[in-house]
Amino acid sequence: MLKHRTLIAGLTAAWLGAGAFSAEPPLPRFRSVDVDTHVEIGYGVAVADVDGDGRPDILLVDKSQIVWYQNPSWQKHVIVEKLTESDNVCIAAQDINGDGKAEIAVGAGWNPSDTVNSGAVFYLIPPADRTQRWEPVVLPHEPTVHRMRWVRNQSGKFDLVVVPLHGRGNKAGVGAGARALAYHIPADPKQPWTTEVIEDFMHLSHNFQPVHWTDREADDLLIAGKEGVFHMVHHPEGWKRAQLVGNAPGETNFVGAGEVRVGKLAAEQPFVATIEPMHGTQLAIYTIPSSGTATGLWKRTLLDDSLVDGHALGCADFIGIGRDQIVAGWRAMGKADTKVGIRIYTPLDASGKTWRTTLLDDNSMACEDLCLADLNGDGKMDIVASGRATHNLKIYFNEAGR
């Protein structure tokens, strides 16, 4: 029996600038639902329509299982389990062929200390009844496979993009760069997949985000890591990069980014949100400088420096103000005496200089990952989060305006 309770996110931090008390945006309001209270680790969550009924389902990457929860009952179904001796770690789930049902790939063999032999990538072939077990197809891989997504390519089709945490033979973030690969799916997924190197210079490449900042059909990528955040664009001659976040020549203050997501302050005003460093304490945003810069780096604004093992980000306009809010989760792994939770950050103006901080979850979600989707079809973005130390999977239903 699912447990329901109403959660009105309360204000937990003062406004950060003058004039913040005029035309104040409404507070976000969410209702939380416990979907699963027996999660082992909850490495990753995704939302996609698995069974083709037109409703988005929840997918969870757990220690030894990949599972999905069927909307709206949230009944749990096991897709695969025990793919490798080491843990599962990531998932990509999306309808890539237009049949209304998600295609799924997963990453496993998680052992970040083994930068030579660890890692695994699988494409999963569904049975006729998608509540039954799926067939795994082994794909080539780099060590320390860590994040993956389906990404639209120049032909309008989808590639599987996989980014490892470390380069082959890398030690403590030093050595060879991590090889981010685009996998091209063949007509028969059991036949060999070809791969293309997107980049191989970054270290500790903890997360990435597809973006659509041009009129091209293909997606671009933002990849975050030790060196910063880079905008990767695919051209006929290969992938080209532009650095948005990091150290300018001669600087050493930037210490790396672990999480990266994209939001907007207005229609033509994007921002990049990061957690710094990897598993870090700081939430920052980066905006395009009004006058431009010689280095091309975006302007940094620090929003919070009190996260403890920050590990999840999302951006959406939950309250309908025309500006995206940021949701950030932290897990405080190994710190039993430290609170965990999720906060929402609301821009109080279109400049992104003034923000309000609101507590969404107070110590019941050691957030390992989160994702955003409209789960109940009311036109509002909801939040799905998985907790490591709290061993749970929760939906936070958006009840703004109620």
Protein backbone atom coordinates (compact mmCIF):
# COMPACT_ATOMS: atom_id res chain seq x y z
CA MET A 1 0.00 0.00 0.00
CA LEU A 2 1.52 3.30 -1.03
CA LYS A 3 1.92 5.84 1.72
CA HIS A 4 0.67 9.33 0.92
CA ARG A 5 1.29 12.57 2.72
CA THR A 6 1.00 16.20 1.79
CA LEU A 7 4.24 18.15 1.74
CA ILE A 8 4.17 21.92 1.48
CA ALA A 9 7.75 22.98 0.82
CA GLY A 10 8.70 25.56 3.44
CA LEU A 11 10.95 28.54 3.10
CA THR A 12 14.37 27.81 4.62
CA ALA A 13 16.62 30.63 3.52
CA ALA A 14 16.38 34.41 3.34
CA TRP A 15 16.10 36.27 0.03
CA LEU A 16 19.50 37.08 -1.35
CA GLY A 17 19.08 40.60 -2.67
CA ALA A 18 17.30 43.94 -2.42
CA GLY A 19 13.73 44.17 -3.69
CA ALA A 20 13.09 40.43 -3.28
CA PHE A 21 9.91 41.04 -1.30
CA SER A 22 8.06 42.68 -4.22
CA ALA A 23 6.15 40.54 -6.74
CA GLU A 24 7.34 37.45 -4.92
CA PRO A 25 6.73 34.17 -6.82
CA PRO A 26 4.53 31.59 -5.10
CA LEU A 27 6.15 28.87 -3.05
CA PRO A 28 6.34 25.45 -4.68
CA ARG A 29 3.87 22.90 -3.31
CA PHE A 30 4.35 19.14 -3.62
CA ARG A 31 2.69 15.96 -2.39
CA SER A 32 5.09 13.09 -1.76
CA VAL A 33 4.38 9.43 -2.44
CA ASP A 34 6.53 6.48 -1.38
CA VAL A 35 6.81 4.20 -4.42
CA ASP A 36 9.39 1.78 -3.00
CA THR A 37 10.87 1.64 0.50
CA HIS A 38 13.20 -1.30 -0.12
CA VAL A 39 15.67 0.17 -2.60
CA GLU A 40 19.23 -1.09 -2.15
CA ILE A 41 21.15 1.85 -3.65
CA GLY A 42 19.04 3.50 -6.36
CA TYR A 43 21.93 4.54 -8.61
CA GLY A 44 19.74 6.11 -11.27
CA VAL A 45 16.14 6.91 -12.18
CA ALA A 46 14.49 7.57 -15.53
CA VAL A 47 10.96 8.16 -16.78
CA ALA A 48 9.61 6.74 -20.05
CA ASP A 49 6.53 4.92 -21.34
CA VAL A 50 7.61 1.29 -21.06
CA ASP A 51 4.35 -0.50 -21.94
CA GLY A 52 2.97 1.90 -24.56
CA ASP A 53 -0.20 2.89 -22.71
CA GLY A 54 0.53 6.61 -23.12
CA ARG A 55 1.49 7.10 -19.47
CA PRO A 56 5.10 7.66 -18.32
CA ASP A 57 6.49 4.92 -16.11
CA ILE A 58 9.42 5.07 -13.67
CA LEU A 59 12.60 3.06 -14.21
CA LEU A 60 15.16 2.42 -11.48
CA VAL A 61 18.75 1.23 -11.63
CA ASP A 62 19.38 -0.63 -8.40
CA LYS A 63 22.37 -2.59 -7.15
CA SER A 64 21.55 -5.92 -8.83
CA GLN A 65 18.26 -5.20 -10.62
CA ILE A 66 16.85 -2.95 -13.32
CA VAL A 67 13.14 -2.44 -12.61
CA TRP A 68 10.17 -0.38 -13.76
CA TYR A 69 7.11 0.84 -11.90
CA GLN A 70 3.87 0.88 -13.89
CA ASN A 71 1.89 4.13 -13.90
CA PRO A 72 -0.52 4.71 -12.14
CA SER A 73 -0.45 1.76 -9.68
CA TRP A 74 3.38 1.85 -9.52
CA GLN A 75 3.47 -1.94 -9.54
CA LYS A 76 7.08 -3.09 -9.71
CA HIS A 77 8.38 -5.25 -12.58
CA VAL A 78 11.91 -6.66 -12.88
CA ILE A 79 13.48 -6.08 -16.31
CA VAL A 80 16.82 -7.81 -15.72
CA GLU A 81 18.98 -8.67 -12.74
CA LYS A 82 22.54 -9.72 -11.95
CA LEU A 83 23.94 -8.61 -15.29
CA THR A 84 27.46 -8.52 -13.83
CA GLU A 85 29.12 -9.39 -10.54
CA SER A 86 29.49 -5.69 -9.76
CA ASP A 87 26.62 -3.20 -9.44
CA ASN A 88 24.40 -1.76 -12.13
CA VAL A 89 24.95 2.00 -12.44
CA CYS A 90 23.03 3.83 -15.22
CA ILE A 91 20.18 3.66 -17.69
CA ALA A 92 18.92 5.26 -20.92
CA ALA A 93 15.19 4.87 -21.61
CA GLN A 94 13.36 6.57 -24.47
CA ASP A 95 11.10 5.79 -27.42
CA ILE A 96 13.64 6.04 -30.24
CA ASN A 97 11.68 4.42 -33.07
CA GLY A 98 8.27 6.07 -32.67
CA ASP A 99 6.26 3.01 -31.62
CA GLY A 100 5.28 4.60 -28.30
CA LYS A 101 7.37 2.20 -26.20
CA ALA A 102 10.76 2.88 -24.64
CA GLU A 103 14.00 1.34 -25.81
CA ILE A 104 16.32 0.65 -22.87
CA ALA A 105 20.07 0.40 -22.45
CA VAL A 106 21.88 0.02 -19.15
CA GLY A 107 25.38 0.27 -17.72
CA ALA A 108 26.76 -2.14 -15.15
CA GLY A 109 30.02 -3.58 -13.82
CA TRP A 110 30.45 -0.51 -11.61
CA ASN A 111 33.84 -0.40 -9.92
CA PRO A 112 35.41 3.08 -10.14
CA SER A 113 38.68 1.89 -8.60
CA ASP A 114 39.23 -0.51 -11.51
CA THR A 115 39.97 1.69 -14.51
CA VAL A 116 41.09 -1.19 -16.72
CA ASN A 117 38.64 -4.09 -16.49
CA SER A 118 35.42 -2.70 -15.02
CA GLY A 119 32.28 -1.58 -16.79
CA ALA A 120 29.63 -3.08 -19.03
CA VAL A 121 26.99 -1.84 -21.49
CA PHE A 122 23.85 -3.73 -22.47
CA TYR A 123 20.98 -3.11 -24.86
CA LEU A 124 17.81 -4.79 -23.61
CA ILE A 125 15.41 -6.52 -26.01
CA PRO A 126 11.84 -6.60 -24.69
CA PRO A 127 9.54 -9.64 -24.68
CA ALA A 128 5.99 -9.37 -26.05
CA ASP A 129 4.85 -8.93 -22.46
CA ARG A 130 7.08 -6.15 -21.16
CA THR A 131 6.35 -7.04 -17.54
CA GLN A 132 8.48 -10.16 -18.05
CA ARG A 133 12.30 -10.41 -18.21
CA TRP A 134 14.15 -8.70 -21.08
CA GLU A 135 17.04 -10.12 -23.08
CA PRO A 136 20.41 -8.37 -22.57
CA VAL A 137 22.72 -7.82 -25.55
CA VAL A 138 26.34 -7.18 -24.62
CA LEU A 139 27.90 -4.10 -26.26
CA PRO A 140 31.54 -2.92 -26.30
CA HIS A 141 32.48 -0.58 -23.47
CA GLU A 142 35.12 1.54 -21.81
CA PRO A 143 36.07 1.00 -18.15
CA THR A 144 34.07 2.76 -15.41
CA VAL A 145 30.90 3.22 -17.49
CA HIS A 146 28.94 5.78 -15.47
CA ARG A 147 26.24 7.74 -17.38
CA MET A 148 24.26 7.17 -20.59
CA ARG A 149 21.44 8.76 -22.61
CA TRP A 150 19.74 8.40 -25.97
CA VAL A 151 20.75 11.42 -28.06
CA ARG A 152 19.37 12.49 -31.45
CA ASN A 153 22.02 12.52 -34.20
CA GLN A 154 22.32 14.50 -37.45
CA SER A 155 20.12 12.07 -39.37
CA GLY A 156 17.28 12.51 -36.89
CA LYS A 157 17.79 9.05 -35.42
CA PHE A 158 19.10 8.22 -31.95
CA ASP A 159 22.53 7.19 -30.74
CA LEU A 160 23.34 5.81 -27.33
CA VAL A 161 25.86 8.16 -25.71
CA VAL A 162 27.89 6.61 -22.88
CA VAL A 163 30.31 8.54 -20.69
CA PRO A 164 32.71 6.78 -18.29
CA LEU A 165 33.92 8.38 -15.09
CA HIS A 166 37.63 7.70 -15.68
CA GLY A 167 39.97 7.15 -18.58
CA ARG A 168 41.51 3.75 -19.12
CA GLY A 169 44.25 3.19 -16.54
CA ASN A 170 43.48 6.52 -14.91
CA LYS A 171 44.47 6.88 -11.24
CA ALA A 172 42.90 9.47 -8.90
CA GLY A 173 41.66 11.52 -11.83
CA VAL A 174 45.07 11.66 -13.50
CA GLY A 175 46.16 9.95 -16.69
CA ALA A 176 44.26 9.14 -19.85
CA GLY A 177 41.02 11.01 -20.47
CA ALA A 178 37.64 9.30 -20.38
CA ARG A 179 36.42 8.23 -23.82
CA ALA A 180 32.83 9.38 -24.29
CA LEU A 181 31.29 7.24 -27.03
CA ALA A 182 28.27 7.50 -29.34
CA TYR A 183 26.91 4.03 -30.16
CA HIS A 184 25.14 3.66 -33.52
CA ILE A 185 22.33 1.10 -33.29
CA PRO A 186 22.12 -1.40 -36.18
CA ALA A 187 18.83 -2.56 -37.71
CA ASP A 188 19.28 -5.79 -35.79
CA PRO A 189 20.50 -4.82 -32.30
CA LYS A 190 22.09 -8.24 -31.88
CA GLN A 191 24.54 -7.40 -34.67
CA PRO A 192 27.73 -5.38 -33.94
CA TRP A 193 27.26 -1.73 -32.95
CA THR A 194 29.74 0.83 -34.23
CA THR A 195 31.00 3.59 -31.97
CA GLU A 196 32.31 7.12 -32.42
CA VAL A 197 34.53 9.00 -29.97
CA ILE A 198 32.90 12.26 -28.84
CA GLU A 199 35.78 13.37 -26.62
CA ASP A 200 38.67 11.76 -24.77
CA PHE A 201 40.35 14.60 -22.88
CA MET A 202 38.19 14.99 -19.76
CA HIS A 203 38.71 13.48 -16.32
CA LEU A 204 36.14 12.66 -13.63
CA SER A 205 33.38 13.16 -16.19
CA HIS A 206 30.57 12.57 -13.73
CA ASN A 207 27.52 13.64 -15.75
CA PHE A 208 26.29 15.13 -19.04
CA GLN A 209 23.18 16.71 -20.54
CA PRO A 210 21.82 16.78 -24.10
CA VAL A 211 20.81 20.31 -25.16
CA HIS A 212 19.11 21.78 -28.22
CA TRP A 213 20.52 25.27 -28.56
CA THR A 214 20.54 25.50 -32.35
CA ASP A 215 18.10 24.95 -35.21
CA ARG A 216 19.90 21.74 -36.07
CA GLU A 217 17.94 18.51 -35.74
CA ALA A 218 20.79 16.89 -33.81
CA ASP A 219 21.27 17.35 -30.07
CA ASP A 220 24.39 18.95 -28.66
CA LEU A 221 25.95 17.82 -25.38
CA LEU A 222 27.15 19.49 -22.21
CA ILE A 223 29.72 17.31 -20.43
CA ALA A 224 30.88 18.13 -16.90
CA GLY A 225 34.11 17.02 -15.30
CA LYS A 226 37.34 17.98 -13.64
CA GLU A 227 38.24 20.45 -16.40
CA GLY A 228 34.86 22.21 -16.45
CA VAL A 229 31.72 22.10 -18.59
CA PHE A 230 32.12 21.79 -22.36
CA HIS A 231 29.58 22.30 -25.11
CA MET A 232 30.03 19.54 -27.68
CA VAL A 233 28.59 20.00 -31.19
CA HIS A 234 28.68 17.35 -33.90
CA HIS A 235 29.88 18.47 -37.33
CA PRO A 236 30.44 16.40 -40.48
CA GLU A 237 34.16 16.37 -39.70
CA GLY A 238 33.64 15.33 -36.08
CA TRP A 239 32.75 16.71 -32.67
CA LYS A 240 33.89 20.24 -31.81
CA ARG A 241 33.94 21.71 -28.32
CA ALA A 242 33.64 25.07 -26.61
CA GLN A 243 34.39 25.54 -22.94
CA LEU A 244 31.66 27.29 -20.94
CA VAL A 245 32.80 26.64 -17.36
CA GLY A 246 36.25 26.21 -15.83
CA ASN A 247 39.52 28.01 -15.31
CA ALA A 248 40.54 30.85 -17.58
CA PRO A 249 44.23 30.84 -18.57
CA GLY A 250 46.37 31.35 -15.48
CA GLU A 251 43.51 30.62 -13.03
CA THR A 252 43.31 27.65 -10.66
CA ASN A 253 40.21 28.34 -8.54
CA PHE A 254 37.81 26.03 -10.40
CA VAL A 255 37.87 22.52 -8.91
CA GLY A 256 35.57 20.62 -11.25
CA ALA A 257 31.86 19.98 -11.77
CA GLY A 258 30.00 16.81 -10.90
CA GLU A 259 26.44 17.48 -12.03
CA VAL A 260 25.22 19.63 -14.93
CA ARG A 261 21.74 20.62 -16.08
CA VAL A 262 20.31 23.41 -18.21
CA GLY A 263 17.50 25.87 -17.47
CA LYS A 264 16.26 29.25 -18.69
CA LEU A 265 15.68 32.64 -17.11
CA ALA A 266 13.76 33.81 -20.19
CA ALA A 267 13.18 32.52 -23.72
CA GLU A 268 16.65 33.58 -24.91
CA GLN A 269 18.44 33.43 -21.55
CA PRO A 270 19.71 29.93 -20.79
CA PHE A 271 21.72 29.06 -17.72
CA VAL A 272 23.88 26.09 -16.81
CA ALA A 273 23.50 24.69 -13.29
CA THR A 274 26.31 22.71 -11.68
CA ILE A 275 27.24 21.01 -8.43
CA GLU A 276 30.90 21.64 -7.66
CA PRO A 277 33.15 19.79 -7.26
CA MET A 278 32.12 16.19 -7.92
CA HIS A 279 30.07 15.09 -4.88
CA GLY A 280 30.55 18.65 -3.71
CA THR A 281 28.98 21.34 -1.55
CA GLN A 282 28.35 24.17 -4.03
CA LEU A 283 25.42 24.81 -6.34
CA ALA A 284 26.24 27.41 -8.98
CA ILE A 285 24.71 28.75 -12.16
CA TYR A 286 26.48 30.14 -15.22
CA THR A 287 24.97 32.70 -17.56
CA ILE A 288 26.12 34.25 -20.83
CA PRO A 289 28.01 37.50 -20.07
CA SER A 290 26.16 40.49 -21.50
CA SER A 291 29.35 41.90 -23.05
CA GLY A 292 31.04 38.62 -23.89
CA THR A 293 34.44 37.47 -22.63
CA ALA A 294 37.77 36.86 -24.27
CA THR A 295 37.82 33.27 -22.96
CA GLY A 296 34.22 32.43 -23.81
CA LEU A 297 33.56 31.36 -20.22
CA TRP A 298 30.15 32.08 -18.77
CA LYS A 299 29.53 34.20 -15.66
CA ARG A 300 29.28 32.30 -12.37
CA THR A 301 26.76 32.93 -9.57
CA LEU A 302 27.01 30.84 -6.40
CA LEU A 303 23.57 29.85 -5.05
CA ASP A 304 24.46 27.53 -2.17
CA ASP A 305 27.63 26.24 -0.52
CA SER A 306 26.04 23.99 2.11
CA LEU A 307 25.23 20.82 0.18
CA VAL A 308 26.76 17.67 1.65
CA ASP A 309 27.70 15.27 -1.13
CA GLY A 310 25.54 16.95 -3.76
CA HIS A 311 24.55 14.34 -6.31
CA ALA A 312 21.45 15.28 -8.35
CA LEU A 313 20.09 18.23 -10.32
CA GLY A 314 17.07 19.18 -12.39
CA CYS A 315 15.66 22.37 -13.93
CA ALA A 316 12.01 23.17 -14.69
CA ASP A 317 9.36 25.82 -14.11
CA PHE A 318 7.35 24.08 -11.40
CA ILE A 319 5.30 27.14 -10.40
CA GLY A 320 4.58 28.73 -13.79
CA ILE A 321 6.54 31.98 -13.57
CA GLY A 322 8.29 31.78 -16.95
CA ARG A 323 11.69 31.14 -15.31
CA ASP A 324 13.08 27.72 -14.43
CA GLN A 325 13.71 26.68 -10.88
CA ILE A 326 16.52 24.34 -9.87
CA VAL A 327 16.01 21.22 -7.77
CA ALA A 328 19.15 19.84 -6.08
CA GLY A 329 19.55 16.73 -3.95
CA TRP A 330 22.33 15.65 -1.65
CA ARG A 331 23.07 12.32 0.02
CA ALA A 332 25.74 12.93 2.73
CA MET A 333 27.16 9.46 2.10
CA GLY A 334 29.06 8.11 5.10
CA LYS A 335 27.87 10.96 7.34
CA ALA A 336 25.13 9.42 9.48
CA ASP A 337 24.90 12.51 11.70
CA THR A 338 24.20 14.86 8.73
CA LYS A 339 20.78 15.60 7.30
CA VAL A 340 20.01 14.70 3.69
CA GLY A 341 17.37 16.10 1.40
CA ILE A 342 16.27 18.11 -1.61
CA ARG A 343 16.00 21.88 -2.11
CA ILE A 344 14.36 24.03 -4.77
CA TYR A 345 15.93 27.31 -5.86
CA THR A 346 13.70 29.96 -7.44
CA PRO A 347 15.02 32.95 -9.44
CA LEU A 348 13.31 36.13 -8.25
CA ASP A 349 14.22 38.10 -11.38
CA ALA A 350 15.19 37.43 -14.97
CA SER A 351 18.83 38.35 -14.32
CA GLY A 352 19.48 35.29 -12.18
CA LYS A 353 21.15 37.38 -9.48
CA THR A 354 18.53 36.88 -6.77
CA TRP A 355 17.26 33.47 -5.69
CA ARG A 356 15.04 31.99 -2.98
CA THR A 357 15.81 28.63 -1.39
CA THR A 358 12.98 26.27 -0.41
CA LEU A 359 13.29 22.94 1.38
CA LEU A 360 11.43 20.17 -0.44
CA ASP A 361 12.54 17.11 1.53
CA ASP A 362 13.96 17.33 5.05
CA ASN A 363 16.05 14.26 5.83
CA SER A 364 13.89 11.50 4.27
CA MET A 365 15.72 11.35 0.89
CA ALA A 366 19.47 10.67 0.67
CA CYS A 367 19.30 11.68 -2.96
CA GLU A 368 21.35 9.54 -5.29
CA ASP A 369 19.53 10.65 -8.43
CA LEU A 370 16.43 12.51 -9.56
CA CYS A 371 14.54 13.22 -12.77
CA LEU A 372 11.60 15.37 -13.82
CA ALA A 373 8.44 14.45 -15.71
CA ASP A 374 4.70 15.09 -15.77
CA LEU A 375 3.54 11.76 -14.32
CA ASN A 376 -0.19 12.42 -13.96
CA GLY A 377 -0.90 14.47 -17.09
CA ASP A 378 -1.83 17.71 -15.34
CA GLY A 379 0.71 19.76 -17.29
CA LYS A 380 3.02 20.25 -14.30
CA MET A 381 6.46 18.78 -13.84
CA ASP A 382 6.80 16.28 -11.00
CA ILE A 383 9.99 15.04 -9.33
CA VAL A 384 11.15 11.42 -8.99
CA ALA A 385 14.06 10.76 -6.61
CA SER A 386 15.94 7.70 -5.38
CA GLY A 387 17.65 7.53 -2.00
CA ARG A 388 20.79 5.61 -1.19
CA ALA A 389 21.08 5.59 2.62
CA THR A 390 17.30 6.05 2.93
CA HIS A 391 16.63 3.07 0.61
CA ASN A 392 13.62 4.66 -1.05
CA LEU A 393 12.07 5.82 -4.29
CA LYS A 394 9.65 8.75 -4.08
CA ILE A 395 7.46 10.86 -6.32
CA TYR A 396 6.91 14.48 -5.41
CA PHE A 397 3.69 15.40 -7.23
CA ASN A 398 3.56 19.07 -8.19
CA GLU A 399 0.49 20.73 -6.66
CA ALA A 400 1.35 24.33 -7.46
CA GLY A 401 -1.72 26.53 -7.59
CA ARG A 402 -3.89 24.23 -5.52
